[in-house]
Amino acid sequence: MRATREGFGKMLAVSLAAALGAGACADATPSYDVVLAGGRVMDPESGTDATLHVGITGDRIEAISEEPLTGTRVIDASGLVVAPGFVDLHQHGQTDETYRFMAHDGVTTGLELEVGTGDVAAFYAEREGGQPVNYGASIGHIPVRMRVMGDTGDFLPADAGKDDPATPGQVEEIARRIREGLDQGAPAVGFGFPYTPAATDEELLAAMSVAGEAGASAHVHTHGGPDGAHYAIDLAAQASAPLHLVHANSTGGARTAEFLAVVQEAVDAGRDVTTEAYPYGASQSRIESALYDDWEEWEDERFGVFQWGATGERLTRESFGRYREQGGSVISHVRTEEMTLTAVASPLTMVASDGGAQVSHPRSTGSFSKVLGKYVREDGVLTLMETLRKMTIEPARRLESYVPMMANKGRIRVGADADITVFDPGTVIDRGDYTNAAVPSGGIEYVFVNGVLTIEGGEYLGVRAGRPVLR
């Protein structure tokens, strides 16, 4: 375990300066609130991979040292990996329960950037006083459109929001509300094209142009396959908006490799385009959404791929229709392991869970631990450092040009926020499944959120040190 010479040299120099302090005596021994002693410190930004000691004071990392440090509390991290806290850009679950599962999965920042919210001020006001992890939501085209069009759905459009074209005045109002959401501090703009099929190219361009004008990233669930990727990339280019394509595995499906090739082509052409994946073969969405509007035309055999999240039962034509009237989350088993692996192993993808508020899919509780346990340790298809890059520095970089506070997250360096995940690389794994998803991950031993222990010895402490992620 060795640091890159340049990266570690810079870290150590800064650590030494911080330890000595301006005008400090040569024999002064600084002390820290918490010391993580002798762990395998891994920082994808600098390439550091070495046995080191990390000193935390308040909400910041104050020292990284080859020599032991003194602290009010010293935690023996030997045999454990000390990594930046994981950043999840796609987490619909913004509740006490889901924040708890995020922390157990090593996530210190969980953001709802695809669907987002239609009222940014209200979203953050409801969570004032702190949450277990850092939190936030985009201003979302979907919920804004629902409000403007008078849709009756509670999360995704159920009627007018998906079925009715917007008038020029309504398009103008949608754009105005998106601009207002950014003015209120939203860290991004969210889109879900398949959920708003009546939205015209002109409407989507008007909405995305607001993101482009502000320099905010557009987080887009586009239509399926490589054609959908081309469409979103072209639209973002017209809008001059940075683009993040969500869940390459869900959107790409059987054509995930082609989907990723389109993204690579855009990156090679200098476009600001990124993407993500989660490590499961089944998708999940709302059964009443526009995705399934043609369900009555399906062959009977097709219904068997669907599983009702609340009960775990596989569906039939009759039960699908009954639950569609009721509304709720449905799991669809539609992808092979080869498709999942293609997305997760790609150097283009970040890790993001697409977790839901209803904890009925294991991606809500174990996405990060599954990648570390299965694809790194068991299958060896990813290196540990490459995987941590996908979980930490890359999602932080996706946002930081527009959200400056993210420049201090996703890093183990002096001066960075003390969002730190400490895990056992030999035991970390997801433990939920499709019939019992609400099981916390294993092997995540310590989690610090803004310097405060949130997971200790694998146990959740229930503290609320998480802060709002705002522009």
Protein backbone atom coordinates (compact mmCIF):
# COMPACT_ATOMS: atom_id res chain seq x y z
CA MET A 1 0.00 0.00 0.00
CA ARG A 2 1.84 3.08 -1.21
CA ALA A 3 0.91 6.65 -1.93
CA THR A 4 1.78 8.22 -5.24
CA ARG A 5 4.95 10.16 -4.58
CA GLU A 6 3.61 13.52 -5.75
CA GLY A 7 0.15 13.19 -4.17
CA PHE A 8 1.33 11.97 -0.79
CA GLY A 9 4.20 14.45 -0.71
CA LYS A 10 1.75 17.34 -1.10
CA MET A 11 -0.55 15.92 1.57
CA LEU A 12 2.26 15.39 4.04
CA ALA A 13 3.67 18.86 3.49
CA VAL A 14 0.29 20.46 4.11
CA SER A 15 -0.28 18.21 7.12
CA LEU A 16 3.05 19.19 8.63
CA ALA A 17 2.31 22.89 8.16
CA ALA A 18 -1.11 22.46 9.75
CA ALA A 19 0.36 20.52 12.65
CA LEU A 20 3.03 23.11 13.42
CA GLY A 21 0.76 26.13 12.95
CA ALA A 22 1.86 29.73 12.51
CA GLY A 23 4.32 30.62 15.27
CA ALA A 24 3.95 27.27 17.08
CA CYS A 25 6.81 26.06 19.21
CA ALA A 26 9.01 23.41 17.65
CA ASP A 27 8.22 20.91 20.40
CA ALA A 28 4.45 21.56 20.47
CA THR A 29 2.35 18.43 20.07
CA PRO A 30 -0.99 19.29 18.53
CA SER A 31 -4.00 17.29 19.63
CA TYR A 32 -7.15 16.55 17.67
CA ASP A 33 -10.72 15.77 18.57
CA VAL A 34 -10.51 12.36 16.89
CA VAL A 35 -7.63 10.42 15.42
CA LEU A 36 -8.09 7.54 13.00
CA ALA A 37 -4.92 5.62 13.70
CA GLY A 38 -3.08 3.33 11.35
CA GLY A 39 -5.74 2.78 8.71
CA ARG A 40 -5.22 2.25 5.01
CA VAL A 41 -5.92 5.81 3.86
CA MET A 42 -7.14 5.88 0.27
CA ASP A 43 -7.77 9.17 -1.52
CA PRO A 44 -8.60 8.94 -5.24
CA GLU A 45 -7.91 12.64 -5.83
CA SER A 46 -4.23 12.42 -4.88
CA GLY A 47 -3.74 8.68 -5.40
CA THR A 48 -2.70 8.24 -1.78
CA ASP A 49 -2.81 4.61 -0.64
CA ALA A 50 -0.79 4.17 2.54
CA THR A 51 -0.95 3.37 6.24
CA LEU A 52 -1.44 6.78 7.83
CA HIS A 53 -2.99 8.61 10.78
CA VAL A 54 -5.80 11.14 10.23
CA GLY A 55 -6.57 13.92 12.71
CA ILE A 56 -10.04 15.51 12.84
CA THR A 57 -10.89 18.71 14.70
CA GLY A 58 -14.42 20.04 14.54
CA ASP A 59 -15.81 19.40 11.08
CA ARG A 60 -12.49 19.31 9.21
CA ILE A 61 -9.60 17.02 8.50
CA GLU A 62 -6.68 18.83 10.13
CA ALA A 63 -3.78 16.40 9.75
CA ILE A 64 -2.64 13.39 7.75
CA SER A 65 0.58 11.94 9.06
CA GLU A 66 2.96 9.00 8.80
CA GLU A 67 3.66 9.48 12.51
CA PRO A 68 1.10 8.78 15.27
CA LEU A 69 -1.13 11.69 16.28
CA THR A 70 -2.57 12.65 19.64
CA GLY A 71 -6.33 12.95 20.03
CA THR A 72 -9.06 13.24 22.61
CA ARG A 73 -10.29 9.99 21.09
CA VAL A 74 -8.13 7.60 19.12
CA ILE A 75 -9.83 4.97 16.95
CA ASP A 76 -7.72 2.01 15.88
CA ALA A 77 -8.31 1.79 12.13
CA SER A 78 -5.69 -0.88 11.47
CA GLY A 79 -6.92 -3.39 8.92
CA LEU A 80 -9.61 -0.96 7.74
CA VAL A 81 -9.82 1.37 4.74
CA VAL A 82 -10.19 5.07 5.55
CA ALA A 83 -11.88 6.67 2.55
CA PRO A 84 -13.76 9.84 1.69
CA GLY A 85 -17.44 9.56 2.52
CA PHE A 86 -19.43 8.27 -0.43
CA VAL A 87 -21.49 10.77 -2.47
CA ASP A 88 -24.76 9.50 -3.96
CA LEU A 89 -26.11 11.81 -6.68
CA HIS A 90 -29.31 9.81 -7.21
CA GLN A 91 -31.17 9.04 -3.99
CA HIS A 92 -34.92 9.61 -4.00
CA GLY A 93 -35.25 8.54 -0.38
CA GLN A 94 -34.93 11.74 1.65
CA THR A 95 -36.43 10.45 4.91
CA ASP A 96 -35.16 9.48 8.34
CA GLU A 97 -35.27 5.79 7.43
CA THR A 98 -33.45 6.13 4.14
CA TYR A 99 -30.82 8.49 5.58
CA ARG A 100 -30.08 5.78 8.17
CA PHE A 101 -29.59 3.15 5.47
CA MET A 102 -27.39 5.57 3.51
CA ALA A 103 -25.11 5.99 6.53
CA HIS A 104 -24.89 2.20 6.99
CA ASP A 105 -23.85 2.01 3.31
CA GLY A 106 -21.04 4.54 3.82
CA VAL A 107 -22.89 7.41 2.15
CA THR A 108 -22.25 10.80 3.77
CA THR A 109 -23.99 12.88 1.09
CA GLY A 110 -27.22 11.69 -0.54
CA LEU A 111 -28.89 13.90 -3.14
CA GLU A 112 -32.18 13.68 -5.05
CA LEU A 113 -31.09 15.11 -8.38
CA GLU A 114 -33.20 13.26 -10.98
CA VAL A 115 -36.84 13.86 -10.03
CA GLY A 116 -35.92 16.57 -7.54
CA THR A 117 -38.48 18.85 -5.95
CA GLY A 118 -40.94 21.43 -7.24
CA ASP A 119 -40.39 23.68 -4.20
CA VAL A 120 -36.75 24.02 -3.21
CA ALA A 121 -37.36 26.35 -0.28
CA ALA A 122 -39.93 23.99 1.24
CA PHE A 123 -37.75 20.91 0.73
CA TYR A 124 -34.89 22.40 2.71
CA ALA A 125 -37.16 24.02 5.32
CA GLU A 126 -38.65 20.60 6.12
CA ARG A 127 -35.16 19.32 6.94
CA GLU A 128 -33.85 22.26 8.94
CA GLY A 129 -31.87 21.34 12.01
CA GLY A 130 -29.76 18.70 10.29
CA GLN A 131 -30.16 15.17 8.99
CA PRO A 132 -28.06 12.03 9.47
CA VAL A 133 -26.20 12.70 6.18
CA ASN A 134 -25.70 15.74 3.96
CA TYR A 135 -28.81 16.17 1.83
CA GLY A 136 -30.27 18.11 -1.06
CA ALA A 137 -32.51 18.12 -4.12
CA SER A 138 -32.53 19.59 -7.58
CA ILE A 139 -35.28 21.78 -8.90
CA GLY A 140 -37.05 19.16 -10.99
CA HIS A 141 -38.76 19.58 -14.35
CA ILE A 142 -41.11 16.69 -13.46
CA PRO A 143 -42.58 18.15 -10.23
CA VAL A 144 -42.58 21.68 -11.64
CA ARG A 145 -44.50 20.48 -14.70
CA MET A 146 -46.93 18.59 -12.47
CA ARG A 147 -47.70 21.78 -10.55
CA VAL A 148 -48.06 23.96 -13.61
CA MET A 149 -50.25 21.42 -15.41
CA GLY A 150 -52.37 20.56 -12.36
CA ASP A 151 -51.36 16.89 -12.21
CA THR A 152 -52.84 14.81 -9.38
CA GLY A 153 -49.87 12.46 -8.87
CA ASP A 154 -47.88 12.46 -5.64
CA PHE A 155 -44.36 11.74 -6.96
CA LEU A 156 -44.51 11.08 -10.70
CA PRO A 157 -47.14 12.39 -13.13
CA ALA A 158 -50.43 10.48 -13.13
CA ASP A 159 -52.47 12.47 -15.66
CA ALA A 160 -52.02 16.01 -17.01
CA GLY A 161 -48.32 16.11 -16.18
CA LYS A 162 -47.61 13.23 -18.52
CA ASP A 163 -50.48 13.48 -21.00
CA ASP A 164 -51.03 17.16 -21.83
CA PRO A 165 -48.84 19.38 -24.02
CA ALA A 166 -47.96 22.65 -22.35
CA THR A 167 -49.11 25.92 -23.85
CA PRO A 168 -46.49 28.59 -24.59
CA GLY A 169 -47.53 30.34 -21.38
CA GLN A 170 -47.13 27.15 -19.38
CA VAL A 171 -43.70 26.52 -20.87
CA GLU A 172 -42.71 30.02 -19.81
CA GLU A 173 -44.04 29.34 -16.30
CA ILE A 174 -42.15 26.04 -16.07
CA ALA A 175 -38.91 27.80 -17.01
CA ARG A 176 -39.63 30.60 -14.52
CA ARG A 177 -40.13 28.15 -11.68
CA ILE A 178 -36.95 26.27 -12.53
CA ARG A 179 -35.06 29.55 -12.48
CA GLU A 180 -36.65 30.38 -9.13
CA GLY A 181 -35.55 27.01 -7.75
CA LEU A 182 -31.96 27.67 -8.76
CA ASP A 183 -32.19 31.12 -7.18
CA GLN A 184 -33.27 29.40 -3.95
CA GLY A 185 -30.08 27.34 -3.99
CA ALA A 186 -30.91 24.09 -5.78
CA PRO A 187 -27.64 22.32 -6.70
CA ALA A 188 -28.88 21.08 -10.11
CA VAL A 189 -31.87 20.70 -12.44
CA GLY A 190 -33.55 17.30 -12.78
CA PHE A 191 -35.38 15.72 -15.74
CA GLY A 192 -37.20 12.47 -16.47
CA PHE A 193 -38.12 12.45 -20.14
CA PRO A 194 -40.00 9.10 -20.17
CA TYR A 195 -42.25 10.30 -17.35
CA THR A 196 -43.34 13.44 -19.24
CA PRO A 197 -43.98 12.12 -22.78
CA ALA A 198 -46.20 15.09 -23.70
CA ALA A 199 -43.35 17.56 -23.12
CA THR A 200 -42.17 18.80 -26.50
CA ASP A 201 -38.60 19.33 -27.63
CA GLU A 202 -39.22 23.06 -27.27
CA GLU A 203 -40.38 22.71 -23.67
CA LEU A 204 -37.45 20.52 -22.66
CA LEU A 205 -35.00 22.89 -24.36
CA ALA A 206 -36.53 25.89 -22.59
CA ALA A 207 -36.25 24.14 -19.23
CA MET A 208 -32.71 22.89 -19.81
CA SER A 209 -31.60 26.29 -21.08
CA VAL A 210 -32.26 27.65 -17.60
CA ALA A 211 -29.67 25.18 -16.30
CA GLY A 212 -27.30 26.19 -19.08
CA GLU A 213 -27.63 29.89 -18.34
CA ALA A 214 -26.82 29.28 -14.68
CA GLY A 215 -24.07 26.73 -15.25
CA ALA A 216 -25.97 24.08 -13.29
CA SER A 217 -25.79 20.44 -14.33
CA ALA A 218 -28.88 18.78 -15.80
CA HIS A 219 -29.48 15.29 -14.37
CA VAL A 220 -31.48 13.43 -16.97
CA HIS A 221 -33.36 10.17 -17.17
CA THR A 222 -33.53 9.96 -20.92
CA HIS A 223 -35.41 7.58 -23.20
CA GLY A 224 -34.02 4.07 -23.57
CA GLY A 225 -30.88 3.05 -25.36
CA PRO A 226 -28.22 4.89 -27.36
CA ASP A 227 -30.78 6.96 -29.27
CA GLY A 228 -31.94 8.43 -25.98
CA ALA A 229 -28.36 9.24 -25.05
CA HIS A 230 -27.85 11.02 -28.38
CA TYR A 231 -31.06 13.00 -27.84
CA ALA A 232 -30.13 14.18 -24.35
CA ILE A 233 -26.57 15.04 -25.36
CA ASP A 234 -27.76 17.06 -28.35
CA LEU A 235 -30.36 18.86 -26.24
CA ALA A 236 -27.78 19.72 -23.58
CA ALA A 237 -25.45 21.03 -26.28
CA GLN A 238 -28.20 23.34 -27.57
CA ALA A 239 -28.86 24.50 -24.00
CA SER A 240 -25.14 24.83 -23.16
CA ALA A 241 -25.83 22.76 -20.04
CA PRO A 242 -23.49 20.31 -18.29
CA LEU A 243 -25.17 16.90 -18.55
CA HIS A 244 -25.36 13.92 -16.21
CA LEU A 245 -27.17 10.86 -17.58
CA VAL A 246 -28.65 8.81 -14.76
CA HIS A 247 -28.53 4.99 -14.42
CA ALA A 248 -26.76 3.94 -17.62
CA ASN A 249 -27.75 0.34 -16.85
CA SER A 250 -31.49 1.07 -16.60
CA THR A 251 -31.53 3.36 -19.62
CA GLY A 252 -29.18 1.25 -21.72
CA GLY A 253 -30.65 -2.15 -20.88
CA ALA A 254 -29.57 -4.74 -23.44
CA ARG A 255 -27.80 -1.94 -25.33
CA THR A 256 -25.82 -0.62 -22.36
CA ALA A 257 -22.49 -0.97 -24.17
CA GLU A 258 -23.84 1.12 -27.06
CA PHE A 259 -25.27 3.68 -24.64
CA LEU A 260 -21.86 4.05 -23.00
CA ALA A 261 -20.18 4.31 -26.39
CA VAL A 262 -22.37 7.34 -27.17
CA VAL A 263 -21.30 8.91 -23.87
CA GLN A 264 -17.65 8.18 -24.62
CA GLU A 265 -17.99 9.77 -28.06
CA ALA A 266 -19.40 12.92 -26.46
CA VAL A 267 -16.62 13.03 -23.85
CA ASP A 268 -13.99 12.57 -26.55
CA ALA A 269 -15.57 15.49 -28.41
CA GLY A 270 -15.11 17.71 -25.34
CA ARG A 271 -18.71 17.66 -24.13
CA ASP A 272 -19.34 17.97 -20.39
CA VAL A 273 -21.20 14.66 -20.00
CA THR A 274 -21.08 12.15 -17.15
CA THR A 275 -23.10 9.10 -16.18
CA GLU A 276 -23.73 6.60 -13.38
CA ALA A 277 -24.89 3.05 -12.63
CA TYR A 278 -26.21 0.95 -9.76
CA PRO A 279 -25.17 -2.70 -9.21
CA TYR A 280 -28.47 -4.57 -9.55
CA GLY A 281 -30.24 -6.26 -12.45
CA ALA A 282 -33.76 -5.16 -11.51
CA SER A 283 -35.22 -1.70 -11.99
CA GLN A 284 -37.92 -0.02 -9.90
CA SER A 285 -40.44 2.68 -10.71
CA ARG A 286 -44.00 3.72 -10.03
CA ILE A 287 -46.50 1.35 -11.59
CA GLU A 288 -48.91 4.20 -12.43
CA SER A 289 -46.26 6.13 -14.38
CA ALA A 290 -46.12 6.74 -18.13
CA LEU A 291 -43.56 3.93 -18.47
CA TYR A 292 -46.40 1.42 -18.39
CA ASP A 293 -49.21 3.25 -20.17
CA ASP A 294 -49.35 0.53 -22.84
CA TRP A 295 -49.61 -2.36 -20.35
CA GLU A 296 -52.96 -3.56 -21.65
CA GLU A 297 -51.33 -4.41 -25.00
CA TRP A 298 -48.68 -6.71 -23.48
CA GLU A 299 -48.54 -10.48 -23.81
CA ASP A 300 -49.47 -12.34 -20.62
CA GLU A 301 -45.92 -13.71 -20.21
CA ARG A 302 -44.46 -10.25 -19.78
CA PHE A 303 -46.13 -9.58 -16.44
CA GLY A 304 -44.06 -12.25 -14.71
CA VAL A 305 -40.94 -10.03 -14.68
CA PHE A 306 -42.70 -7.61 -12.33
CA GLN A 307 -42.58 -7.90 -8.55
CA TRP A 308 -44.73 -5.84 -6.21
CA GLY A 309 -42.33 -4.08 -3.85
CA ALA A 310 -44.56 -4.10 -0.78
CA THR A 311 -45.29 -7.85 -0.80
CA GLY A 312 -42.59 -9.43 -2.97
CA GLU A 313 -45.19 -11.20 -5.14
CA ARG A 314 -44.67 -11.69 -8.88
CA LEU A 315 -47.46 -10.10 -10.90
CA THR A 316 -50.02 -11.30 -13.39
CA ARG A 317 -52.10 -9.27 -15.80
CA GLU A 318 -54.86 -9.08 -13.17
CA SER A 319 -52.64 -8.04 -10.27
CA PHE A 320 -50.68 -5.56 -12.42
CA GLY A 321 -53.92 -3.82 -13.36
CA ARG A 322 -55.13 -3.81 -9.77
CA TYR A 323 -51.91 -2.36 -8.40
CA ARG A 324 -51.75 0.21 -11.22
CA GLU A 325 -55.08 1.59 -10.03
CA GLN A 326 -53.72 1.70 -6.49
CA GLY A 327 -50.30 3.13 -7.38
CA GLY A 328 -46.94 2.37 -5.82
CA SER A 329 -43.48 0.95 -6.48
CA VAL A 330 -42.98 -2.03 -8.78
CA ILE A 331 -39.72 -3.91 -9.35
CA SER A 332 -38.97 -5.19 -12.85
CA HIS A 333 -36.44 -7.99 -13.38
CA VAL A 334 -35.37 -7.13 -16.89
CA ARG A 335 -31.55 -7.14 -17.07
CA THR A 336 -28.86 -9.80 -17.04
CA GLU A 337 -25.74 -9.76 -14.88
CA GLU A 338 -23.72 -9.11 -18.04
CA MET A 339 -25.64 -5.86 -18.61
CA THR A 340 -25.11 -4.81 -14.99
CA LEU A 341 -21.40 -5.62 -15.14
CA THR A 342 -20.96 -3.68 -18.38
CA ALA A 343 -22.29 -0.54 -16.67
CA VAL A 344 -20.67 -0.93 -13.24
CA ALA A 345 -17.22 -1.79 -14.60
CA SER A 346 -17.11 1.03 -17.17
CA PRO A 347 -14.60 3.79 -16.35
CA LEU A 348 -17.32 6.26 -17.39
CA THR A 349 -19.78 5.45 -14.62
CA MET A 350 -20.03 6.75 -11.10
CA VAL A 351 -21.83 4.67 -8.48
CA ALA A 352 -25.29 6.02 -7.62
CA SER A 353 -28.08 4.05 -5.99
CA ASP A 354 -31.35 5.33 -7.48
CA GLY A 355 -32.68 4.44 -4.03
CA GLY A 356 -36.31 5.06 -3.20
CA ALA A 357 -38.31 6.38 -0.29
CA GLN A 358 -40.05 3.01 -0.12
CA VAL A 359 -37.31 0.61 0.94
CA SER A 360 -38.32 -2.40 -1.14
CA HIS A 361 -35.34 -2.66 -3.52
CA PRO A 362 -31.86 -3.53 -2.23
CA ARG A 363 -30.34 -0.66 -4.20
CA SER A 364 -31.86 1.63 -1.55
CA THR A 365 -29.74 0.05 1.18
CA GLY A 366 -26.67 -1.62 -0.30
CA SER A 367 -25.50 -0.21 -3.63
CA PHE A 368 -22.11 1.06 -2.48
CA SER A 369 -21.32 -1.95 -0.30
CA LYS A 370 -22.31 -4.35 -3.07
CA VAL A 371 -19.86 -2.80 -5.51
CA LEU A 372 -17.09 -3.00 -2.90
CA GLY A 373 -17.97 -6.52 -1.81
CA LYS A 374 -18.94 -8.24 -5.05
CA TYR A 375 -17.24 -6.40 -7.89
CA VAL A 376 -14.02 -5.49 -6.06
CA ARG A 377 -13.39 -8.26 -3.52
CA GLU A 378 -15.25 -11.28 -4.90
CA ASP A 379 -15.12 -10.82 -8.67
CA GLY A 380 -12.03 -8.61 -9.00
CA VAL A 381 -13.44 -6.70 -11.96
CA LEU A 382 -12.67 -3.32 -10.37
CA THR A 383 -9.75 -2.14 -8.29
CA LEU A 384 -10.49 -0.62 -4.90
CA MET A 385 -9.04 2.76 -5.85
CA GLU A 386 -10.98 2.91 -9.11
CA THR A 387 -14.17 2.07 -7.25
CA LEU A 388 -13.59 4.74 -4.62
CA ARG A 389 -13.04 7.24 -7.43
CA LYS A 390 -16.51 6.37 -8.73
CA MET A 391 -18.01 6.86 -5.27
CA THR A 392 -16.25 9.98 -4.01
CA ILE A 393 -14.22 12.42 -6.08
CA GLU A 394 -16.11 12.01 -9.36
CA PRO A 395 -19.60 12.79 -8.00
CA ALA A 396 -18.12 15.69 -6.01
CA ARG A 397 -16.49 17.04 -9.16
CA ARG A 398 -19.75 16.71 -11.10
CA LEU A 399 -21.25 19.39 -8.86
CA GLU A 400 -18.43 21.53 -7.54
CA SER A 401 -18.15 24.06 -10.36
CA TYR A 402 -21.70 25.16 -9.58
CA VAL A 403 -21.84 24.12 -5.91
CA PRO A 404 -18.54 25.27 -4.39
CA MET A 405 -19.08 23.45 -1.08
CA MET A 406 -18.64 20.15 -2.94
CA ALA A 407 -14.98 21.03 -3.51
CA ASN A 408 -14.38 20.01 0.11
CA LYS A 409 -16.14 16.67 -0.18
CA GLY A 410 -15.04 13.38 -1.72
CA ARG A 411 -11.45 13.89 -0.51
CA ILE A 412 -9.13 12.84 2.27
CA ARG A 413 -6.94 15.91 2.51
CA VAL A 414 -6.13 18.57 5.05
CA GLY A 415 -8.85 21.22 5.06
CA ALA A 416 -11.51 18.97 3.55
CA ASP A 417 -14.79 18.32 5.31
CA ALA A 418 -14.49 15.41 7.70
CA ASP A 419 -16.94 13.23 5.78
CA ILE A 420 -15.15 9.89 6.13
CA THR A 421 -16.14 6.26 5.67
CA VAL A 422 -14.09 3.54 7.37
CA PHE A 423 -14.81 0.01 6.19
CA ASP A 424 -13.47 -3.51 6.33
CA PRO A 425 -12.52 -4.50 2.76
CA GLY A 426 -12.72 -8.17 3.74
CA THR A 427 -16.34 -8.10 4.93
CA VAL A 428 -18.11 -5.14 3.32
CA ILE A 429 -21.23 -6.32 1.46
CA ASP A 430 -24.89 -5.55 0.87
CA ARG A 431 -27.29 -7.71 2.90
CA GLY A 432 -30.73 -6.83 1.53
CA ASP A 433 -32.52 -8.64 -1.27
CA TYR A 434 -35.69 -8.29 -3.34
CA THR A 435 -37.91 -9.81 -0.65
CA ASN A 436 -36.27 -8.11 2.32
CA ALA A 437 -34.47 -4.97 1.21
CA ALA A 438 -34.56 -3.09 4.52
CA VAL A 439 -31.36 -4.62 5.88
CA PRO A 440 -28.31 -2.43 6.51
CA SER A 441 -25.02 -3.19 4.76
CA GLY A 442 -22.26 -5.00 6.61
CA GLY A 443 -18.61 -4.07 6.98
CA ILE A 444 -19.09 -0.29 7.23
CA GLU A 445 -17.46 0.24 10.63
CA TYR A 446 -17.25 4.01 11.13
CA VAL A 447 -18.85 6.91 9.31
CA PHE A 448 -18.13 10.57 10.08
CA VAL A 449 -20.44 13.29 8.77
CA ASN A 450 -18.92 16.75 9.17
CA GLY A 451 -16.62 15.35 11.86
CA VAL A 452 -19.39 13.70 13.87
CA LEU A 453 -19.56 9.94 14.33
CA THR A 454 -22.75 8.68 12.72
CA ILE A 455 -21.85 4.97 12.48
CA GLU A 456 -19.65 3.56 15.25
CA GLY A 457 -18.54 -0.05 15.26
CA GLY A 458 -21.20 -0.74 12.64
CA GLU A 459 -23.96 0.73 14.84
CA TYR A 460 -26.10 3.72 13.88
CA LEU A 461 -25.94 6.52 16.47
CA GLY A 462 -28.92 8.57 15.29
CA VAL A 463 -27.11 11.92 15.27
CA ARG A 464 -27.98 14.67 12.81
CA ALA A 465 -24.73 16.19 11.63
CA GLY A 466 -25.69 16.33 7.95
CA ARG A 467 -25.99 19.72 6.31
CA PRO A 468 -27.90 21.03 3.30
CA VAL A 469 -26.09 20.93 -0.02
CA LEU A 470 -26.91 24.25 -1.65
CA ARG A 471 -25.45 26.50 -4.30
